[in-house]
Protein backbone atom coordinates (compact mmCIF):
# COMPACT_ATOMS: atom_id res chain seq x y z
CA MET A 1 96.08 110.21 94.84
CA ARG A 2 93.58 112.48 93.12
CA ARG A 3 95.79 115.52 92.96
CA PHE A 4 97.86 114.59 89.91
CA LYS A 5 96.32 114.65 86.43
CA LYS A 6 99.23 115.15 84.01
CA ILE A 7 102.24 113.02 84.93
CA LEU A 8 105.60 113.47 83.22
CA CYS A 9 107.62 110.24 83.45
CA TYR A 10 111.30 110.38 82.49
CA VAL A 11 112.42 107.09 80.96
CA GLY A 12 115.94 108.12 79.95
CA GLY A 13 119.31 108.09 81.67
CA GLU A 14 121.15 105.08 82.98
CA ALA A 15 118.58 103.95 85.54
CA ASP A 16 116.00 101.26 84.81
CA PRO A 17 112.76 103.20 84.15
CA SER A 18 110.52 100.34 85.33
CA PRO A 19 110.04 101.52 88.96
CA ALA A 20 109.06 105.02 87.82
CA LEU A 21 106.77 103.57 85.15
CA GLU A 22 105.05 101.33 87.67
CA ALA A 23 104.52 104.20 90.11
CA ALA A 24 103.26 106.52 87.35
CA THR A 25 100.90 103.83 86.02
CA ASP A 26 99.49 103.17 89.48
CA LEU A 27 98.86 106.88 90.02
CA ALA A 28 97.29 107.24 86.58
CA LYS A 29 94.88 104.35 87.18
CA HIS A 30 93.82 105.70 90.58
CA ASN A 31 93.43 109.18 89.22
CA SER A 32 92.34 108.87 85.58
CA ALA A 33 95.50 110.81 84.80
CA ARG A 34 97.48 111.13 81.59
CA ILE A 35 101.13 110.04 81.41
CA THR A 36 103.72 111.50 79.07
CA LEU A 37 106.79 109.29 78.62
CA VAL A 38 109.84 111.45 77.85
CA ASP A 39 113.42 110.74 76.93
CA VAL A 40 116.07 113.39 76.34
CA LEU A 41 119.09 112.48 74.22
CA PRO A 42 122.37 114.38 73.86
CA PRO A 43 122.25 116.94 71.03
CA SER A 44 124.18 116.30 67.83
CA THR A 45 126.43 119.26 68.59
CA GLU A 46 128.00 117.50 71.57
CA GLY A 47 130.26 114.58 72.34
CA PRO A 48 130.63 111.50 70.12
CA TRP A 49 128.02 112.73 67.64
CA LEU A 50 130.65 115.06 66.17
CA THR A 51 132.82 112.15 65.00
CA LEU A 52 130.04 110.51 62.96
CA PRO A 53 129.31 111.25 59.29
CA GLY A 54 125.94 112.72 58.30
CA THR A 55 125.21 113.80 61.86
CA PRO A 56 121.95 115.80 61.36
CA GLU A 57 120.31 112.98 59.40
CA LEU A 58 121.62 110.39 61.85
CA GLU A 59 120.18 112.35 64.77
CA LYS A 60 116.74 112.22 63.15
CA LYS A 61 117.02 108.46 62.78
CA VAL A 62 118.10 108.03 66.40
CA LEU A 63 115.22 110.18 67.65
CA SER A 64 112.76 108.25 65.50
CA ALA A 65 114.10 104.91 66.73
CA ARG A 66 113.93 106.00 70.35
CA LEU A 67 110.37 107.25 69.87
CA GLN A 68 109.43 103.79 68.60
CA ASP A 69 111.00 102.33 71.74
CA LEU A 70 108.79 104.55 73.87
CA GLU A 71 105.73 103.60 71.84
CA GLU A 72 106.47 99.94 72.59
CA ILE A 73 106.73 100.77 76.29
CA ALA A 74 103.46 102.69 76.10
CA ALA A 75 101.52 100.01 74.22
CA PRO A 76 100.65 97.73 77.18
CA LEU A 77 99.76 100.76 79.29
CA LYS A 78 97.33 101.95 76.62
CA GLU A 79 95.83 98.47 76.41
CA SER A 80 95.16 98.61 80.16
CA GLY A 81 93.23 101.87 79.71
CA VAL A 82 95.90 104.41 80.67
CA GLN A 83 96.18 107.55 78.53
CA VAL A 84 99.81 107.73 77.39
CA GLU A 85 101.76 110.09 75.14
CA THR A 86 105.41 109.82 74.10
CA ASP A 87 108.04 112.45 73.43
CA VAL A 88 111.75 112.34 72.55
CA THR A 89 113.98 115.36 72.20
CA THR A 90 117.59 116.46 72.63
CA GLY A 91 119.23 118.69 75.21
CA SER A 92 119.82 118.71 78.96
CA PRO A 93 117.38 116.30 80.66
CA PHE A 94 116.40 118.50 83.59
CA VAL A 95 116.00 121.58 81.38
CA GLU A 96 113.79 119.78 78.86
CA LEU A 97 111.68 118.15 81.58
CA ILE A 98 111.08 121.49 83.29
CA ARG A 99 110.38 123.10 79.91
CA ARG A 100 107.57 120.60 79.35
CA VAL A 101 106.17 121.19 82.81
CA VAL A 102 106.02 124.92 82.15
CA GLU A 103 104.62 124.63 78.62
CA ASN A 104 102.21 121.72 79.10
CA GLY A 105 101.03 122.14 82.68
CA ASN A 106 102.25 118.81 84.03
CA ASP A 107 101.69 118.54 87.78
CA LEU A 108 104.19 115.78 88.67
CA VAL A 109 107.58 114.66 87.41
CA ILE A 110 108.59 111.10 88.20
CA LYS A 111 111.84 109.27 87.51
CA THR A 112 113.81 106.30 88.80
CA ALA A 113 116.71 107.10 91.12
CA GLN A 114 120.21 106.33 89.97
CA ASN A 115 122.66 104.35 92.08
CA LEU A 116 125.54 106.68 91.39
CA ASN A 117 128.18 108.52 93.36
CA SER A 118 126.24 111.74 92.94
CA PRO A 119 127.00 115.10 94.54
CA LEU A 120 124.33 114.34 97.14
CA GLY A 121 125.22 110.71 97.69
CA GLY A 122 122.40 108.29 98.36
CA LEU A 123 120.25 107.60 95.31
CA LEU A 124 120.17 111.02 93.68
CA GLY A 125 121.93 111.77 90.44
CA THR A 126 122.50 115.18 88.88
CA THR A 127 119.18 115.27 87.00
CA ALA A 128 117.17 114.51 90.15
CA LEU A 129 119.07 117.15 92.10
CA HIS A 130 118.42 119.83 89.48
CA LEU A 131 114.74 118.88 89.30
CA MET A 132 114.34 119.06 93.06
CA ARG A 133 115.93 122.49 93.09
CA LYS A 134 114.32 124.05 90.04
CA CYS A 135 111.17 122.21 88.97
CA PRO A 136 108.00 124.11 89.95
CA VAL A 137 105.91 120.95 90.56
CA PRO A 138 106.46 117.96 92.85
CA VAL A 139 109.24 115.58 91.85
CA TRP A 140 109.06 111.89 92.76
CA VAL A 141 112.36 110.03 92.61
CA VAL A 142 111.57 106.32 92.90
CA LYS A 143 114.02 103.93 94.49
CA PRO A 144 115.12 101.25 91.98
CA GLU A 145 114.24 98.42 94.36
CA SER A 146 110.87 99.88 95.32
CA ALA A 147 108.37 97.47 96.79
CA GLU A 148 105.33 96.66 94.68
CA ARG A 149 103.15 97.99 97.49
CA LEU A 150 104.05 100.86 99.77
CA GLY A 151 104.05 99.86 103.41
CA ARG A 152 104.85 103.18 105.09
CA VAL A 153 104.76 106.76 103.89
CA LEU A 154 106.67 109.46 105.75
CA ALA A 155 105.48 113.07 105.89
CA ALA A 156 108.36 115.22 107.13
CA VAL A 157 106.76 118.47 108.32
CA ASP A 158 108.01 121.68 109.89
CA PRO A 159 104.94 123.69 110.86
CA GLY A 160 105.31 127.29 111.91
CA SER A 161 102.81 130.01 112.65
CA PRO A 162 99.48 129.49 110.81
CA GLY A 163 99.70 130.95 107.33
CA ASP A 164 103.46 131.41 107.15
CA SER A 165 105.53 129.78 104.39
CA ARG A 166 106.73 126.88 106.55
CA ASP A 167 103.23 126.08 107.71
CA LEU A 168 101.67 126.27 104.24
CA LEU A 169 104.36 124.01 102.80
CA SER A 170 103.96 121.53 105.66
CA ALA A 171 100.21 121.40 105.01
CA LYS A 172 100.91 120.67 101.34
CA VAL A 173 103.38 117.92 102.28
CA LEU A 174 100.95 116.32 104.71
CA THR A 175 98.05 116.48 102.25
CA LEU A 176 100.08 114.80 99.50
CA ALA A 177 101.53 112.19 101.84
CA SER A 178 98.12 111.27 103.27
CA SER A 179 96.64 111.06 99.78
CA LEU A 180 99.48 108.79 98.65
CA ALA A 181 99.08 106.60 101.75
CA GLN A 182 95.33 106.33 101.20
CA ALA A 183 95.69 105.44 97.51
CA SER A 184 98.27 102.75 98.24
CA GLY A 185 96.68 101.42 101.43
CA SER A 186 99.77 102.39 103.43
CA ALA A 187 100.40 103.60 106.95
CA LEU A 188 101.46 107.21 107.43
CA ASP A 189 104.09 108.59 109.79
CA VAL A 190 103.89 112.34 110.43
CA VAL A 191 107.22 113.52 111.83
CA HIS A 192 108.24 116.88 113.23
CA ALA A 193 111.67 117.34 114.81
CA TRP A 194 112.30 120.00 117.44
CA TRP A 195 115.48 121.00 119.19
CA LEU A 196 117.22 123.81 121.02
CA PRO A 197 120.23 124.96 119.01
CA ALA A 198 123.49 125.00 120.97
CA GLU A 199 121.91 123.21 123.93
CA ALA A 200 125.17 121.39 124.66
CA THR A 201 127.07 124.69 124.69
CA LEU A 202 124.46 126.31 126.88
CA ARG A 203 124.91 123.51 129.38
CA GLY A 204 128.69 123.70 129.17
CA ARG A 205 130.95 125.24 131.81
CA ARG A 206 131.85 128.25 129.63
CA VAL A 207 128.25 129.53 129.55
CA ASN A 208 127.26 128.18 132.94
CA LEU A 209 123.51 128.79 132.76
CA PRO A 210 121.44 127.25 135.55
CA PRO A 211 120.09 123.83 134.40
CA ALA A 212 116.60 124.80 135.54
CA GLN A 213 116.64 127.81 133.21
CA ILE A 214 117.67 125.70 130.22
CA ASP A 215 115.06 123.08 131.06
CA SER A 216 112.42 125.81 131.17
CA VAL A 217 113.44 127.01 127.71
CA LEU A 218 113.32 123.43 126.41
CA ARG A 219 109.78 123.01 127.72
CA ASP A 220 108.75 126.21 125.98
CA VAL A 221 110.33 125.13 122.68
CA ARG A 222 108.68 121.72 122.85
CA ARG A 223 105.31 123.19 123.77
CA ALA A 224 105.44 125.57 120.81
CA ALA A 225 106.41 122.72 118.47
CA GLU A 226 103.61 120.53 119.82
CA GLU A 227 101.01 123.27 119.37
CA ALA A 228 102.16 123.93 115.81
CA LEU A 229 102.06 120.21 114.95
CA ASP A 230 98.64 119.70 116.54
CA GLY A 231 97.31 122.68 114.60
CA LEU A 232 98.66 121.29 111.33
CA VAL A 233 97.24 117.80 111.89
CA ASP A 234 93.86 119.26 112.81
CA ARG A 235 93.68 121.08 109.47
CA VAL A 236 94.38 118.02 107.30
CA ASP A 237 91.85 115.17 107.21
CA LEU A 238 93.70 111.98 108.18
CA SER A 239 90.60 110.05 109.18
CA ARG A 240 90.90 107.57 106.29
CA VAL A 241 94.59 106.84 106.78
CA PRO A 242 96.16 104.76 109.55
CA HIS A 243 98.72 107.15 110.95
CA GLU A 244 101.02 108.00 113.81
CA VAL A 245 102.18 111.49 114.75
CA HIS A 246 105.73 111.81 116.05
CA LEU A 247 107.18 114.85 117.82
CA VAL A 248 110.84 114.00 118.29
CA LYS A 249 113.65 115.94 119.89
CA GLY A 250 116.74 116.10 117.69
CA GLN A 251 118.29 117.82 114.72
CA PRO A 252 115.75 117.60 111.88
CA TYR A 253 118.02 115.92 109.31
CA GLN A 254 118.93 113.18 111.80
CA VAL A 255 115.36 112.55 112.92
CA ILE A 256 113.92 112.56 109.39
CA SER A 257 116.71 110.35 108.07
CA SER A 258 116.04 107.82 110.82
CA PHE A 259 112.33 107.60 109.96
CA ALA A 260 113.10 107.54 106.22
CA GLU A 261 115.10 104.35 106.71
CA LYS A 262 111.86 102.61 107.71
CA SER A 263 109.71 104.22 105.00
CA ASP A 264 109.03 103.30 101.38
CA VAL A 265 108.60 106.92 100.30
CA SER A 266 109.49 110.15 102.11
CA VAL A 267 107.45 113.26 101.32
CA MET A 268 109.24 116.48 102.24
CA GLY A 269 109.23 120.14 101.39
CA THR A 270 112.10 121.86 99.63
CA LEU A 271 111.90 125.36 101.04
CA SER A 272 115.05 127.46 100.96
CA ARG A 273 115.35 130.05 103.71
CA SER A 274 118.35 131.68 102.05
CA GLY A 275 116.31 133.72 99.59
CA LEU A 276 117.87 131.90 96.65
CA ASP A 277 114.69 130.17 95.52
CA GLY A 278 115.39 127.39 93.07
CA LEU A 279 119.12 127.39 93.75
CA LEU A 280 119.10 125.71 97.14
CA ILE A 281 116.82 122.95 98.36
CA GLY A 282 117.13 124.09 101.97
CA ASN A 283 119.63 122.98 104.57
CA THR A 284 117.55 120.27 106.23
CA ALA A 285 116.37 118.74 102.95
CA GLU A 286 119.89 118.81 101.51
CA ARG A 287 121.29 116.94 104.51
CA VAL A 288 118.44 114.41 104.52
CA LEU A 289 118.83 113.73 100.81
CA ARG A 290 122.52 113.02 101.30
CA ARG A 291 121.58 110.13 103.57
CA VAL A 292 118.14 108.84 102.58
CA GLU A 293 117.75 105.72 100.46
CA SER A 294 113.96 105.62 100.30
CA SER A 295 111.99 107.01 97.41
CA VAL A 296 111.49 110.77 97.77
CA LEU A 297 108.57 112.99 96.78
CA ALA A 298 109.88 116.57 96.94
CA VAL A 299 107.29 119.34 97.19
CA LYS A 300 107.73 123.04 96.41
CA PRO A 301 105.90 125.92 98.10
CA GLU A 302 102.81 127.30 96.38
CA GLY A 303 103.75 129.99 93.91
CA PHE A 304 107.29 128.72 93.38
CA GLN A 305 108.57 129.56 89.89
CA THR A 306 111.49 127.91 88.17
CA PRO A 307 114.61 130.08 87.92
CA LEU A 308 115.16 128.83 84.37
CA ASN A 309 114.60 131.41 81.64
CA PHE A 310 113.51 129.46 78.58
CA ASP A 311 113.70 132.53 76.37
CA SER A 312 117.48 132.38 76.76
CA LEU A 313 117.84 128.59 76.51
């Protein structure tokens, strides 16, 4: 996966960092990339720190000890030829991770998913959710029980007219997914869901449209979706990746969730159509992420900027 050169790997929180470390190391070796291992601890001005004597000095000792832990984790990676840096700080994990992305030019954030009852359900905790909403670079949340080798990679695409935001994001998703599949020797599923909103109501007795008219509209919708998908696939070189292209009728979150169940990693775009960039992932992605239990690589549109203002943080 030659795209990523500066990988930020979060090794904090309650989840076992090993799956994220393994994925980051594999990417680094394939790509001659640099990894930065980061942990973010609670600041001394919060929580149980306040009850301890000599808090500022104690915080320094804790940070130093944790940095030594990270150096021990990094040692075997360095011995294997991977370029690794370590960093420990205090604050809010998602804020500090995004701060480093902005300041240091990292092009991927990777962390292990947490098996928690999170706001999204599934495998996403609060930190992952914030990163997927606000981080300007791709975020890979790795399933704790990830297989050593990826078997199937899912590219969930939603192509529109050539050059529009949906189409450009779908091209980015497909490019990353095919690159990941090629690097890992995996098969690729390209999935686009199409549907006619309110079809059941249109066919109901209260609307009473002729079935032939609705069927004609359905054919038009499917034809447009097929043309958009064919155009997208033609623009991305998939010749080196075993792949299947699926055009499936159904609500997008249901179709994508079904394919994600059979995938090791799902690559999807996080484009909000509400105008609140960085505050909403987008309706389809939100609903998929509530259900999916595969690893997820979330991709932002080109030009996306984090809504965080670090001058005020």
